């Protein structure tokens, strides 16, 4: 081990998740694991178009750190869409932009689950 690293690095094991992900990169492997949707369903053109539009209109602000709730114009767009598609009146302050499903699941767990005196979690 390189002397520049902390001693604990000598006993650090490989990440199980990282090793599994390496296997999914093999072309003969079809993964049915969560988090691996069919890339053929990714709306690449739509995302490229939306990205180009947002960067052209407000690129410097979009790329800057912002509030933890997320980019306000995106939250406003989402509220307008809910109103138009479902008739639901939602305020931008009721929308929270996450960086993927795992962050959303983590936040939901923190909001709805309490740790019981026994150390177990309960609703």
N, C-alpha and C. Protein backbone atom coordinates (compact mmCIF):
# COMPACT_ATOMS: atom_id res chain seq x y z
N UNK A 1 0.86 -1.18 0.00
CA UNK A 1 0.00 0.00 0.00
C UNK A 1 0.90 1.23 0.00
N UNK A 2 0.50 2.22 -0.73
CA UNK A 2 1.24 3.48 -0.81
C UNK A 2 1.28 4.14 0.56
N UNK A 3 2.46 4.61 0.95
CA UNK A 3 2.61 5.23 2.27
C UNK A 3 1.82 6.52 2.41
N UNK A 4 1.31 7.07 1.32
CA UNK A 4 0.53 8.30 1.39
C UNK A 4 -0.90 8.08 1.88
N UNK A 5 -1.34 6.81 1.90
CA UNK A 5 -2.71 6.50 2.31
C UNK A 5 -2.77 6.18 3.80
N UNK A 6 -3.94 6.39 4.39
CA UNK A 6 -4.16 6.02 5.78
C UNK A 6 -4.08 4.50 5.92
N UNK A 7 -3.65 4.02 7.09
CA UNK A 7 -3.51 2.59 7.34
C UNK A 7 -4.81 1.82 7.12
N UNK A 8 -5.95 2.47 7.40
CA UNK A 8 -7.24 1.77 7.27
C UNK A 8 -7.51 1.34 5.83
N UNK A 9 -6.82 1.95 4.87
CA UNK A 9 -7.03 1.59 3.47
C UNK A 9 -6.52 0.18 3.17
N UNK A 10 -5.64 -0.34 4.02
CA UNK A 10 -5.11 -1.70 3.83
C UNK A 10 -6.21 -2.75 4.01
N UNK A 11 -7.20 -2.46 4.81
CA UNK A 11 -8.25 -3.43 5.11
C UNK A 11 -9.58 -3.10 4.44
N UNK A 12 -9.61 -2.06 3.63
CA UNK A 12 -10.85 -1.68 2.96
C UNK A 12 -11.18 -2.70 1.88
N UNK A 13 -12.40 -3.22 1.95
CA UNK A 13 -12.85 -4.20 0.97
C UNK A 13 -13.45 -3.51 -0.24
N UNK A 14 -13.52 -4.24 -1.35
CA UNK A 14 -14.15 -3.73 -2.56
C UNK A 14 -15.63 -3.51 -2.30
N UNK A 15 -16.21 -2.56 -2.98
CA UNK A 15 -17.63 -2.29 -2.87
C UNK A 15 -18.41 -3.38 -3.61
N UNK A 16 -19.33 -4.03 -2.89
CA UNK A 16 -20.16 -5.06 -3.50
C UNK A 16 -20.98 -4.47 -4.65
N UNK A 17 -21.55 -3.30 -4.42
CA UNK A 17 -22.37 -2.64 -5.45
C UNK A 17 -21.53 -2.34 -6.69
N UNK A 18 -20.34 -1.82 -6.47
CA UNK A 18 -19.46 -1.48 -7.60
C UNK A 18 -19.14 -2.73 -8.42
N UNK A 19 -18.89 -3.84 -7.74
CA UNK A 19 -18.56 -5.09 -8.44
C UNK A 19 -19.78 -5.60 -9.22
N UNK A 20 -20.96 -5.51 -8.64
CA UNK A 20 -22.19 -5.92 -9.34
C UNK A 20 -22.40 -5.05 -10.58
N UNK A 21 -22.19 -3.74 -10.43
CA UNK A 21 -22.38 -2.83 -11.56
C UNK A 21 -21.42 -3.15 -12.70
N UNK A 22 -20.23 -3.59 -12.39
CA UNK A 22 -19.28 -3.98 -13.44
C UNK A 22 -19.86 -5.13 -14.28
N UNK A 23 -20.51 -6.08 -13.61
CA UNK A 23 -21.10 -7.22 -14.32
C UNK A 23 -22.19 -6.76 -15.28
N UNK A 24 -22.98 -5.78 -14.87
CA UNK A 24 -24.09 -5.32 -15.71
C UNK A 24 -23.61 -4.62 -16.98
N UNK A 25 -22.34 -4.25 -17.03
CA UNK A 25 -21.80 -3.59 -18.22
C UNK A 25 -21.44 -4.58 -19.32
N UNK A 26 -21.46 -5.86 -19.00
CA UNK A 26 -21.16 -6.89 -19.99
C UNK A 26 -22.35 -7.04 -20.93
N UNK A 27 -22.12 -7.00 -22.24
CA UNK A 27 -23.23 -7.01 -23.20
C UNK A 27 -24.13 -8.25 -23.11
N UNK A 28 -23.59 -9.37 -22.66
CA UNK A 28 -24.41 -10.59 -22.60
C UNK A 28 -25.28 -10.66 -21.34
N UNK A 29 -25.13 -9.70 -20.44
CA UNK A 29 -25.89 -9.70 -19.19
C UNK A 29 -27.11 -8.80 -19.34
N UNK A 30 -28.26 -9.34 -18.99
CA UNK A 30 -29.50 -8.56 -18.93
C UNK A 30 -29.84 -8.43 -17.45
N UNK A 31 -29.75 -7.23 -16.92
CA UNK A 31 -30.00 -7.01 -15.50
C UNK A 31 -31.46 -6.70 -15.27
N UNK A 32 -32.05 -7.42 -14.32
CA UNK A 32 -33.42 -7.15 -13.90
C UNK A 32 -33.44 -6.40 -12.56
N UNK A 33 -32.29 -5.91 -12.17
CA UNK A 33 -32.17 -5.18 -10.91
C UNK A 33 -32.86 -3.83 -11.03
N UNK A 34 -33.33 -3.33 -9.89
CA UNK A 34 -33.91 -1.99 -9.86
C UNK A 34 -32.86 -0.97 -10.22
N UNK A 35 -33.27 0.09 -10.85
CA UNK A 35 -32.33 1.14 -11.19
C UNK A 35 -31.67 0.95 -12.54
N UNK A 36 -32.06 -0.07 -13.28
CA UNK A 36 -31.48 -0.30 -14.60
C UNK A 36 -32.57 -0.39 -15.66
N UNK A 37 -33.23 0.73 -15.94
CA UNK A 37 -34.26 0.69 -16.99
C UNK A 37 -33.63 0.47 -18.35
N UNK A 38 -34.44 0.06 -19.28
CA UNK A 38 -33.99 -0.14 -20.65
C UNK A 38 -33.55 1.20 -21.22
N UNK A 39 -32.28 1.35 -21.60
CA UNK A 39 -31.81 2.64 -22.13
C UNK A 39 -32.55 3.07 -23.40
N UNK A 40 -33.19 2.11 -24.08
CA UNK A 40 -33.96 2.44 -25.27
C UNK A 40 -35.16 3.33 -24.97
N UNK A 41 -35.58 3.34 -23.71
CA UNK A 41 -36.73 4.16 -23.31
C UNK A 41 -36.33 5.55 -22.81
N UNK A 42 -35.04 5.84 -22.72
CA UNK A 42 -34.61 7.16 -22.27
C UNK A 42 -35.00 8.21 -23.33
N UNK A 43 -35.68 9.28 -22.92
CA UNK A 43 -36.09 10.32 -23.89
C UNK A 43 -34.92 11.27 -24.21
N UNK A 44 -33.91 10.75 -24.88
CA UNK A 44 -32.67 11.50 -25.12
C UNK A 44 -32.93 12.80 -25.86
N UNK A 45 -33.71 12.76 -26.93
CA UNK A 45 -33.95 13.97 -27.72
C UNK A 45 -34.69 15.03 -26.90
N UNK A 46 -35.68 14.58 -26.12
CA UNK A 46 -36.44 15.52 -25.30
C UNK A 46 -35.58 16.16 -24.21
N UNK A 47 -34.73 15.36 -23.59
CA UNK A 47 -33.84 15.89 -22.56
C UNK A 47 -32.82 16.85 -23.17
N UNK A 48 -32.29 16.52 -24.34
CA UNK A 48 -31.35 17.41 -25.01
C UNK A 48 -32.02 18.73 -25.37
N UNK A 49 -33.23 18.67 -25.86
CA UNK A 49 -33.97 19.88 -26.21
C UNK A 49 -34.25 20.74 -24.98
N UNK A 50 -34.72 20.11 -23.90
CA UNK A 50 -35.01 20.85 -22.67
C UNK A 50 -33.74 21.46 -22.09
N UNK A 51 -32.66 20.70 -22.12
CA UNK A 51 -31.38 21.20 -21.59
C UNK A 51 -30.89 22.40 -22.39
N UNK A 52 -30.96 22.30 -23.71
CA UNK A 52 -30.54 23.40 -24.57
C UNK A 52 -31.36 24.65 -24.30
N UNK A 53 -32.68 24.48 -24.16
CA UNK A 53 -33.57 25.61 -23.91
C UNK A 53 -33.25 26.28 -22.57
N UNK A 54 -33.12 25.48 -21.52
CA UNK A 54 -32.86 26.03 -20.18
C UNK A 54 -31.49 26.70 -20.13
N UNK A 55 -30.48 26.08 -20.71
CA UNK A 55 -29.14 26.66 -20.70
C UNK A 55 -29.10 27.97 -21.49
N UNK A 56 -29.84 28.03 -22.59
CA UNK A 56 -29.87 29.26 -23.39
C UNK A 56 -30.59 30.38 -22.65
N UNK A 57 -31.66 30.05 -21.93
CA UNK A 57 -32.46 31.07 -21.25
C UNK A 57 -31.87 31.51 -19.92
N UNK A 58 -31.27 30.57 -19.16
CA UNK A 58 -30.86 30.91 -17.79
C UNK A 58 -29.67 30.07 -17.35
N UNK A 59 -28.76 29.81 -18.27
CA UNK A 59 -27.66 28.89 -18.03
C UNK A 59 -26.80 29.18 -16.82
N UNK A 60 -26.44 30.43 -16.62
CA UNK A 60 -25.56 30.75 -15.50
C UNK A 60 -26.23 30.45 -14.15
N UNK A 61 -27.51 30.75 -14.04
CA UNK A 61 -28.22 30.47 -12.80
C UNK A 61 -28.49 28.97 -12.61
N UNK A 62 -28.77 28.28 -13.72
CA UNK A 62 -29.07 26.85 -13.65
C UNK A 62 -27.84 26.07 -13.18
N UNK A 63 -26.67 26.49 -13.59
CA UNK A 63 -25.45 25.77 -13.26
C UNK A 63 -24.89 26.14 -11.89
N UNK A 64 -25.43 27.17 -11.28
CA UNK A 64 -24.96 27.63 -9.98
C UNK A 64 -25.66 26.84 -8.86
N UNK A 65 -24.99 26.72 -7.72
CA UNK A 65 -25.66 26.14 -6.56
C UNK A 65 -26.88 26.98 -6.23
N UNK A 66 -27.90 26.34 -5.71
CA UNK A 66 -29.14 27.04 -5.44
C UNK A 66 -29.73 26.52 -4.13
N UNK A 67 -30.99 26.83 -3.91
CA UNK A 67 -31.67 26.36 -2.71
C UNK A 67 -31.82 24.83 -2.77
N UNK A 68 -31.98 24.23 -1.62
CA UNK A 68 -32.11 22.77 -1.57
C UNK A 68 -33.43 22.28 -2.16
N UNK A 69 -34.40 23.17 -2.29
CA UNK A 69 -35.70 22.77 -2.85
C UNK A 69 -35.60 22.53 -4.36
N UNK A 70 -34.63 23.15 -5.00
CA UNK A 70 -34.47 22.99 -6.43
C UNK A 70 -34.75 24.29 -7.17
N UNK A 71 -34.46 24.27 -8.43
CA UNK A 71 -34.58 25.41 -9.33
C UNK A 71 -36.03 25.90 -9.39
N UNK A 72 -36.28 27.13 -8.96
CA UNK A 72 -37.65 27.66 -8.86
C UNK A 72 -38.42 27.61 -10.18
N UNK A 73 -37.84 28.02 -11.32
CA UNK A 73 -38.62 27.92 -12.56
C UNK A 73 -39.05 26.48 -12.89
N UNK A 74 -38.25 25.49 -12.53
CA UNK A 74 -38.66 24.11 -12.75
C UNK A 74 -39.81 23.74 -11.82
N UNK A 75 -39.74 24.16 -10.57
CA UNK A 75 -40.84 23.88 -9.63
C UNK A 75 -42.12 24.58 -10.08
N UNK A 76 -41.99 25.80 -10.61
CA UNK A 76 -43.17 26.52 -11.14
C UNK A 76 -43.75 25.79 -12.35
N UNK A 77 -42.88 25.29 -13.21
CA UNK A 77 -43.33 24.53 -14.39
C UNK A 77 -44.11 23.30 -13.94
N UNK A 78 -43.60 22.62 -12.93
CA UNK A 78 -44.26 21.40 -12.43
C UNK A 78 -45.64 21.74 -11.85
N UNK A 79 -45.74 22.84 -11.10
CA UNK A 79 -47.05 23.21 -10.53
C UNK A 79 -48.04 23.54 -11.64
N UNK A 80 -47.58 24.24 -12.68
CA UNK A 80 -48.46 24.57 -13.81
C UNK A 80 -48.92 23.31 -14.54
N UNK A 81 -48.01 22.35 -14.65
CA UNK A 81 -48.37 21.11 -15.32
C UNK A 81 -49.41 20.32 -14.51
N UNK A 82 -49.22 20.25 -13.18
CA UNK A 82 -50.22 19.59 -12.34
C UNK A 82 -51.58 20.24 -12.50
N UNK A 83 -51.62 21.57 -12.54
CA UNK A 83 -52.89 22.29 -12.69
C UNK A 83 -53.52 21.98 -14.05
N UNK A 84 -52.72 22.03 -15.10
CA UNK A 84 -53.21 21.81 -16.46
C UNK A 84 -53.66 20.36 -16.68
N UNK A 85 -52.89 19.40 -16.21
CA UNK A 85 -53.17 17.99 -16.49
C UNK A 85 -54.15 17.35 -15.50
N UNK A 86 -54.09 17.79 -14.23
CA UNK A 86 -54.89 17.11 -13.20
C UNK A 86 -55.82 18.04 -12.44
N UNK A 87 -55.76 19.33 -12.71
CA UNK A 87 -56.59 20.28 -11.99
C UNK A 87 -56.15 20.49 -10.55
N UNK A 88 -54.95 20.07 -10.21
CA UNK A 88 -54.45 20.20 -8.83
C UNK A 88 -53.72 21.52 -8.67
N UNK A 89 -54.10 22.28 -7.65
CA UNK A 89 -53.45 23.56 -7.35
C UNK A 89 -52.36 23.29 -6.32
N UNK A 90 -51.12 23.30 -6.78
CA UNK A 90 -49.96 23.04 -5.93
C UNK A 90 -49.05 24.25 -6.01
N UNK A 91 -48.49 24.63 -4.89
CA UNK A 91 -47.57 25.76 -4.85
C UNK A 91 -46.13 25.28 -5.08
N UNK A 92 -45.30 26.11 -5.69
CA UNK A 92 -43.89 25.72 -5.89
C UNK A 92 -43.19 25.32 -4.59
N UNK A 93 -43.59 25.92 -3.46
CA UNK A 93 -42.98 25.57 -2.18
C UNK A 93 -43.34 24.15 -1.73
N UNK A 94 -44.30 23.52 -2.40
CA UNK A 94 -44.69 22.16 -2.08
C UNK A 94 -43.96 21.13 -2.95
N UNK A 95 -43.10 21.61 -3.82
CA UNK A 95 -42.34 20.76 -4.73
C UNK A 95 -40.89 20.72 -4.27
N UNK A 96 -40.31 19.54 -4.25
CA UNK A 96 -38.90 19.37 -3.90
C UNK A 96 -38.23 18.56 -5.01
N UNK A 97 -37.23 19.13 -5.64
CA UNK A 97 -36.50 18.46 -6.70
C UNK A 97 -35.41 17.60 -6.06
N UNK A 98 -35.38 16.32 -6.41
CA UNK A 98 -34.35 15.43 -5.87
C UNK A 98 -33.38 15.04 -6.97
N UNK A 99 -32.26 14.49 -6.57
CA UNK A 99 -31.24 14.03 -7.50
C UNK A 99 -31.33 12.52 -7.65
N UNK A 100 -32.50 12.05 -8.03
CA UNK A 100 -32.69 10.63 -8.24
C UNK A 100 -33.63 10.02 -7.22
N UNK A 101 -34.06 8.82 -7.52
CA UNK A 101 -35.05 8.16 -6.67
C UNK A 101 -34.50 7.83 -5.29
N UNK A 102 -33.22 7.50 -5.19
CA UNK A 102 -32.67 7.13 -3.89
C UNK A 102 -32.76 8.28 -2.90
N UNK A 103 -32.49 9.50 -3.36
CA UNK A 103 -32.61 10.66 -2.48
C UNK A 103 -34.07 10.84 -2.05
N UNK A 104 -34.99 10.66 -2.97
CA UNK A 104 -36.41 10.79 -2.64
C UNK A 104 -36.84 9.76 -1.61
N UNK A 105 -36.42 8.51 -1.78
CA UNK A 105 -36.77 7.45 -0.83
C UNK A 105 -36.17 7.76 0.53
N UNK A 106 -34.92 8.23 0.56
CA UNK A 106 -34.27 8.58 1.82
C UNK A 106 -35.04 9.69 2.55
N UNK A 107 -35.43 10.72 1.81
CA UNK A 107 -36.16 11.83 2.43
C UNK A 107 -37.53 11.39 2.94
N UNK A 108 -38.22 10.56 2.18
CA UNK A 108 -39.53 10.05 2.63
C UNK A 108 -39.36 9.25 3.91
N UNK A 109 -38.33 8.41 3.96
CA UNK A 109 -38.07 7.64 5.17
C UNK A 109 -37.81 8.53 6.37
N UNK A 110 -37.05 9.59 6.17
CA UNK A 110 -36.74 10.50 7.27
C UNK A 110 -37.97 11.25 7.75
N UNK A 111 -38.90 11.49 6.85
CA UNK A 111 -40.12 12.23 7.21
C UNK A 111 -41.12 11.33 7.92
N UNK A 112 -41.26 10.07 7.48
CA UNK A 112 -42.35 9.24 7.98
C UNK A 112 -41.97 8.16 8.98
N UNK A 113 -40.69 7.87 9.14
CA UNK A 113 -40.29 6.81 10.07
C UNK A 113 -39.60 7.39 11.28
N UNK A 114 -39.97 6.85 12.45
CA UNK A 114 -39.35 7.28 13.70
C UNK A 114 -38.59 6.10 14.28
N UNK A 115 -37.52 6.40 14.98
CA UNK A 115 -36.78 5.36 15.65
C UNK A 115 -37.43 5.13 17.02
N UNK A 116 -37.84 3.91 17.27
CA UNK A 116 -38.48 3.55 18.53
C UNK A 116 -37.41 3.40 19.61
N UNK A 117 -37.80 3.45 20.89
CA UNK A 117 -36.83 3.26 21.97
C UNK A 117 -36.04 1.96 21.84
N UNK A 118 -36.64 0.95 21.21
CA UNK A 118 -35.97 -0.33 21.04
C UNK A 118 -34.86 -0.27 20.00
N UNK A 119 -34.81 0.84 19.27
CA UNK A 119 -33.82 0.97 18.21
C UNK A 119 -34.37 0.60 16.85
N UNK A 120 -35.57 0.02 16.84
CA UNK A 120 -36.20 -0.33 15.58
C UNK A 120 -36.96 0.87 15.05
N UNK A 121 -37.21 0.86 13.76
CA UNK A 121 -37.95 1.96 13.16
C UNK A 121 -39.42 1.60 13.08
N UNK A 122 -40.27 2.62 13.25
CA UNK A 122 -41.71 2.42 13.14
C UNK A 122 -42.30 3.61 12.40
N UNK A 123 -43.50 3.40 11.87
CA UNK A 123 -44.19 4.46 11.14
C UNK A 123 -44.83 5.40 12.13
